Amino acid sequence: MSLSPKYIADRVCLNVLAGSHQNAVDVYEAAEGHVLVGMLSKSYPDVPSAVEDMKACAEKINNALSIGLGAGDPKQSDMVTELAGILQPQHVNQVFTGVGKSRNALGQNETVVNGLISPTGTVGMVKISTGPKSADMADAIVPVDTAIAMLQDMGCSSVKYFPMGGLDSVDEYEEAANACARNGFWLEPTGGIDLANFEEILRIALDAGVEKVIPHVYSSIIDSSTGETRPEDVKTLLEISKRLLNR
């Protein structure tokens, strides 16, 4: 199976959740393969059950599997690492301090591993204390360029910028995008992204010159009655992405 996700014009790949294996297939097809399908480690009682279910799903979507923490829960960091080593997915979500462990468990550099950093209320500064122990300590706040350099030291592929609250921290997000561009790093905006603000959030990253952007669009496109991501909304996100890339 391929370890490299498919990007729209080599720059954009969507990241959405799946409520079932069939939903995963439906959103994969709706995105024409330009998607990573998230399955959350937090949804499973143990590693064996997660491996069984995630593997079966990955086989149906050309391994476009994104192993998630579950709302950035640092307590899931070690489980994600264990799953990554076994499943060899296309994408792994990690807290800042879990990146090195996951990269080592994977044993290769093809899988995309992100590292979670958070807005702080100050442009150009980010919180990196997002790990199982550090999240309970006083905030560790550093310049975004320093955070990116540290992630690169650990074998990370991209910044997971979370929680954004949509456009609530847009000035900070714009500087994070600029930093990713000047450091040759990928960017994964996450938190509060919906059909209304998706275009502006993606445009900011593209205009900054970010090499690859992986927007995470979760609850806003999930049908609350079924718990499944709406394929028609994924199609809309794909159309917006194509339009922005073809400007």
Protein backbone atom coordinates (compact mmCIF):
# COMPACT_ATOMS: atom_id res chain seq x y z
CA MET A 1 0.00 0.00 0.00
CA SER A 2 1.09 3.56 -0.67
CA LEU A 3 2.44 5.60 2.21
CA SER A 4 2.22 8.93 0.39
CA PRO A 5 -1.11 10.76 0.46
CA LYS A 6 -2.54 12.16 -2.74
CA TYR A 7 -2.49 15.96 -2.92
CA ILE A 8 -4.49 18.30 -5.08
CA ALA A 9 -1.84 19.82 -7.35
CA ASP A 10 0.70 18.59 -4.77
CA ARG A 11 -0.43 21.21 -2.25
CA VAL A 12 -3.72 20.36 -0.51
CA CYS A 13 -5.05 17.22 1.14
CA LEU A 14 -8.25 17.19 3.20
CA ASN A 15 -8.47 15.46 6.58
CA VAL A 16 -11.93 14.35 7.69
CA LEU A 17 -13.35 11.75 10.06
CA ALA A 18 -15.26 8.61 9.15
CA GLY A 19 -18.12 7.17 11.18
CA SER A 20 -17.91 3.76 9.54
CA HIS A 21 -15.95 1.86 6.92
CA GLN A 22 -18.55 2.66 4.28
CA ASN A 23 -18.44 6.32 5.27
CA ALA A 24 -14.67 6.21 4.84
CA VAL A 25 -15.08 4.84 1.33
CA ASP A 26 -17.74 7.43 0.52
CA VAL A 27 -15.65 10.42 1.65
CA TYR A 28 -12.54 9.01 -0.05
CA GLU A 29 -14.45 8.84 -3.33
CA ALA A 30 -16.06 12.25 -2.79
CA ALA A 31 -12.60 13.79 -2.37
CA GLU A 32 -11.31 11.93 -5.43
CA GLY A 33 -8.61 10.45 -3.22
CA HIS A 34 -7.32 13.83 -2.03
CA VAL A 35 -8.10 13.03 1.59
CA LEU A 36 -6.79 11.44 4.74
CA VAL A 37 -9.54 9.66 6.65
CA GLY A 38 -9.29 10.05 10.41
CA MET A 39 -9.95 7.22 12.85
CA LEU A 40 -9.54 8.13 16.52
CA SER A 41 -7.52 5.96 18.89
CA LYS A 42 -9.70 7.24 21.72
CA SER A 43 -12.67 5.39 20.21
CA TYR A 44 -11.18 1.98 21.00
CA PRO A 45 -10.74 0.19 24.34
CA ASP A 46 -7.33 -1.24 23.45
CA VAL A 47 -4.67 -1.54 20.75
CA PRO A 48 -5.71 -4.95 19.33
CA SER A 49 -9.29 -3.82 18.64
CA ALA A 50 -8.06 -0.58 17.08
CA VAL A 51 -5.57 -2.43 14.87
CA GLU A 52 -8.21 -4.82 13.62
CA ASP A 53 -10.73 -2.13 12.75
CA MET A 54 -8.30 0.46 11.37
CA LYS A 55 -6.50 -2.10 9.20
CA ALA A 56 -9.75 -3.33 7.70
CA CYS A 57 -10.79 0.24 6.91
CA ALA A 58 -7.39 1.24 5.50
CA GLU A 59 -7.54 -1.63 3.03
CA LYS A 60 -10.70 -0.13 1.55
CA ILE A 61 -9.25 3.37 0.99
CA ASN A 62 -5.75 2.71 -0.34
CA ASN A 63 -4.28 3.19 3.14
CA ALA A 64 -5.43 6.83 3.32
CA LEU A 65 -5.61 6.34 7.08
CA SER A 66 -4.99 9.14 9.57
CA ILE A 67 -4.57 7.84 13.12
CA GLY A 68 -5.99 10.43 15.50
CA LEU A 69 -5.62 11.17 19.18
CA GLY A 70 -9.18 12.35 19.80
CA ALA A 71 -9.53 16.12 20.34
CA GLY A 72 -5.77 16.33 20.79
CA ASP A 73 -5.93 14.21 23.97
CA PRO A 74 -2.32 13.86 25.19
CA LYS A 75 -3.22 10.69 27.07
CA GLN A 76 -3.61 8.96 23.69
CA SER A 77 -0.07 9.73 22.58
CA ASP A 78 1.48 6.35 23.40
CA MET A 79 -1.43 4.41 21.92
CA VAL A 80 -1.11 6.38 18.69
CA THR A 81 2.61 5.58 18.57
CA GLU A 82 1.96 1.87 19.04
CA LEU A 83 -0.74 1.85 16.37
CA ALA A 84 1.49 3.77 13.95
CA GLY A 85 4.26 1.22 14.23
CA ILE A 86 1.90 -1.67 13.55
CA LEU A 87 -0.34 -0.16 10.88
CA GLN A 88 2.11 2.02 8.91
CA PRO A 89 -0.60 4.53 7.93
CA GLN A 90 -0.25 7.52 5.63
CA HIS A 91 -0.75 10.00 8.47
CA VAL A 92 -0.26 10.22 12.24
CA ASN A 93 -1.53 12.91 14.61
CA GLN A 94 0.71 13.55 17.61
CA VAL A 95 1.25 15.88 20.50
CA PHE A 96 4.48 17.89 20.37
CA THR A 97 6.42 15.56 22.65
CA GLY A 98 5.19 12.37 20.97
CA VAL A 99 6.61 13.04 17.51
CA GLY A 100 10.00 11.42 18.02
CA LYS A 101 8.51 8.24 19.48
CA SER A 102 6.08 7.88 16.58
CA ARG A 103 8.74 8.47 13.93
CA ASN A 104 10.96 5.88 15.58
CA ALA A 105 8.10 3.37 15.78
CA LEU A 106 7.31 3.88 12.10
CA GLY A 107 10.89 3.20 11.08
CA GLN A 108 10.54 5.24 7.87
CA ASN A 109 10.13 8.86 6.79
CA GLU A 110 7.26 8.54 4.30
CA THR A 111 4.34 8.63 6.73
CA VAL A 112 3.24 12.18 7.54
CA VAL A 113 3.59 12.82 11.29
CA ASN A 114 2.30 16.11 12.65
CA GLY A 115 3.11 17.79 15.95
CA LEU A 116 0.49 19.71 17.92
CA ILE A 117 1.20 23.32 18.84
CA SER A 118 -1.40 25.78 20.07
CA PRO A 119 -2.21 29.51 19.78
CA THR A 120 -1.32 31.61 22.83
CA GLY A 121 -2.98 34.97 22.20
CA THR A 122 0.33 36.47 21.04
CA VAL A 123 1.24 36.59 17.36
CA GLY A 124 4.40 34.61 16.64
CA MET A 125 4.35 32.66 19.91
CA VAL A 126 2.98 29.13 20.35
CA LYS A 127 2.41 26.65 23.15
CA ILE A 128 4.40 23.41 22.83
CA SER A 129 3.57 21.81 26.20
CA THR A 130 0.91 19.55 24.68
CA GLY A 131 2.19 16.15 25.88
CA PRO A 132 0.86 13.70 28.48
CA LYS A 133 2.80 15.29 31.36
CA SER A 134 3.64 18.73 30.01
CA ALA A 135 -0.01 19.61 29.29
CA ASP A 136 -0.60 19.69 33.06
CA MET A 137 2.34 21.98 33.73
CA ALA A 138 2.85 25.70 33.26
CA ASP A 139 2.59 26.58 29.57
CA ALA A 140 5.82 26.33 27.58
CA ILE A 141 5.58 29.17 25.06
CA VAL A 142 8.21 29.67 22.36
CA PRO A 143 8.56 31.49 19.02
CA VAL A 144 6.80 29.58 16.26
CA ASP A 145 10.03 29.29 14.26
CA THR A 146 11.71 27.64 17.24
CA ALA A 147 8.79 25.23 17.63
CA ILE A 148 9.08 24.27 13.96
CA ALA A 149 12.84 23.73 14.25
CA MET A 150 12.28 21.47 17.27
CA LEU A 151 9.65 19.48 15.39
CA GLN A 152 12.04 19.10 12.46
CA ASP A 153 14.70 17.85 14.88
CA MET A 154 12.28 15.09 15.92
CA GLY A 155 11.48 13.93 12.38
CA CYS A 156 8.14 15.72 12.17
CA SER A 157 6.44 16.50 8.85
CA SER A 158 4.02 19.28 9.74
CA VAL A 159 2.54 21.61 12.32
CA LYS A 160 -0.90 20.71 13.63
CA TYR A 161 -2.18 24.15 14.64
CA PHE A 162 -4.90 23.42 17.22
CA PRO A 163 -7.27 24.60 18.60
CA MET A 164 -7.86 27.45 16.16
CA GLY A 165 -11.51 28.16 16.90
CA GLY A 166 -12.04 28.81 13.22
CA LEU A 167 -10.91 32.38 12.56
CA ASP A 168 -10.72 33.38 16.24
CA SER A 169 -6.92 33.43 16.17
CA VAL A 170 -6.52 34.39 12.52
CA ASP A 171 -3.58 36.79 13.06
CA GLU A 172 -1.65 34.12 14.95
CA TYR A 173 -2.57 31.53 12.34
CA GLU A 174 -1.36 33.76 9.53
CA GLU A 175 2.04 34.12 11.21
CA ALA A 176 2.18 30.36 11.79
CA ALA A 177 1.55 29.90 8.06
CA ASN A 178 4.31 32.39 7.24
CA ALA A 179 6.67 30.51 9.55
CA CYS A 180 5.86 27.18 7.92
CA ALA A 181 6.53 28.71 4.51
CA ARG A 182 9.88 30.23 5.41
CA ASN A 183 11.00 27.02 7.12
CA GLY A 184 9.83 24.65 4.37
CA PHE A 185 7.33 22.96 6.70
CA TRP A 186 3.81 21.70 6.14
CA LEU A 187 0.74 23.05 7.95
CA GLU A 188 -2.40 21.41 9.31
CA PRO A 189 -4.96 23.99 10.49
CA THR A 190 -7.39 22.34 12.91
CA GLY A 191 -10.34 23.35 15.08
CA GLY A 192 -13.60 25.08 14.25
CA ILE A 193 -13.18 24.87 10.47
CA ASP A 194 -16.45 24.74 8.54
CA LEU A 195 -17.85 25.34 5.07
CA ALA A 196 -18.12 29.06 5.78
CA ASN A 197 -14.53 29.75 6.87
CA PHE A 198 -12.67 26.95 5.07
CA GLU A 199 -11.86 29.05 2.02
CA GLU A 200 -10.27 31.89 3.99
CA ILE A 201 -8.28 29.51 6.19
CA LEU A 202 -6.93 27.62 3.20
CA ARG A 203 -6.30 30.82 1.24
CA ILE A 204 -4.16 32.25 4.04
CA ALA A 205 -1.93 29.17 4.02
CA LEU A 206 -1.63 29.07 0.24
CA ASP A 207 -0.95 32.81 -0.06
CA ALA A 208 1.77 32.49 2.59
CA GLY A 209 3.47 29.97 0.34
CA VAL A 210 3.06 26.87 2.51
CA GLU A 211 4.28 23.87 0.52
CA LYS A 212 1.54 21.46 1.62
CA VAL A 213 -1.64 22.16 3.57
CA ILE A 214 -3.78 19.54 5.31
CA PRO A 215 -6.93 21.23 6.69
CA HIS A 216 -8.82 19.18 9.28
CA VAL A 217 -12.58 19.60 8.95
CA TYR A 218 -14.42 17.56 11.52
CA SER A 219 -17.63 18.12 13.48
CA SER A 220 -19.02 20.84 11.21
CA ILE A 221 -19.51 18.35 8.36
CA ILE A 222 -20.68 15.40 10.45
CA ASP A 223 -24.37 14.48 10.38
CA SER A 224 -25.35 14.51 14.06
CA SER A 225 -28.08 11.93 13.50
CA THR A 226 -25.73 9.32 11.99
CA GLY A 227 -22.32 10.34 13.27
CA GLU A 228 -21.00 10.16 9.72
CA THR A 229 -19.22 12.78 7.60
CA ARG A 230 -21.40 14.09 4.78
CA PRO A 231 -19.80 13.18 1.41
CA GLU A 232 -21.53 16.11 -0.28
CA ASP A 233 -19.74 18.50 2.09
CA VAL A 234 -16.42 16.84 1.28
CA LYS A 235 -17.15 17.46 -2.39
CA THR A 236 -17.75 21.12 -1.58
CA LEU A 237 -14.40 21.34 0.22
CA LEU A 238 -12.70 19.74 -2.77
CA GLU A 239 -14.31 22.25 -5.14
CA ILE A 240 -13.20 25.18 -2.97
CA SER A 241 -9.65 23.79 -2.86
CA LYS A 242 -9.51 23.39 -6.62
CA ARG A 243 -10.83 26.90 -7.14
CA LEU A 244 -8.20 28.42 -4.87
CA LEU A 245 -5.40 26.46 -6.49
CA ASN A 246 -6.49 27.44 -9.97
CA ARG A 247 -6.60 31.20 -9.32
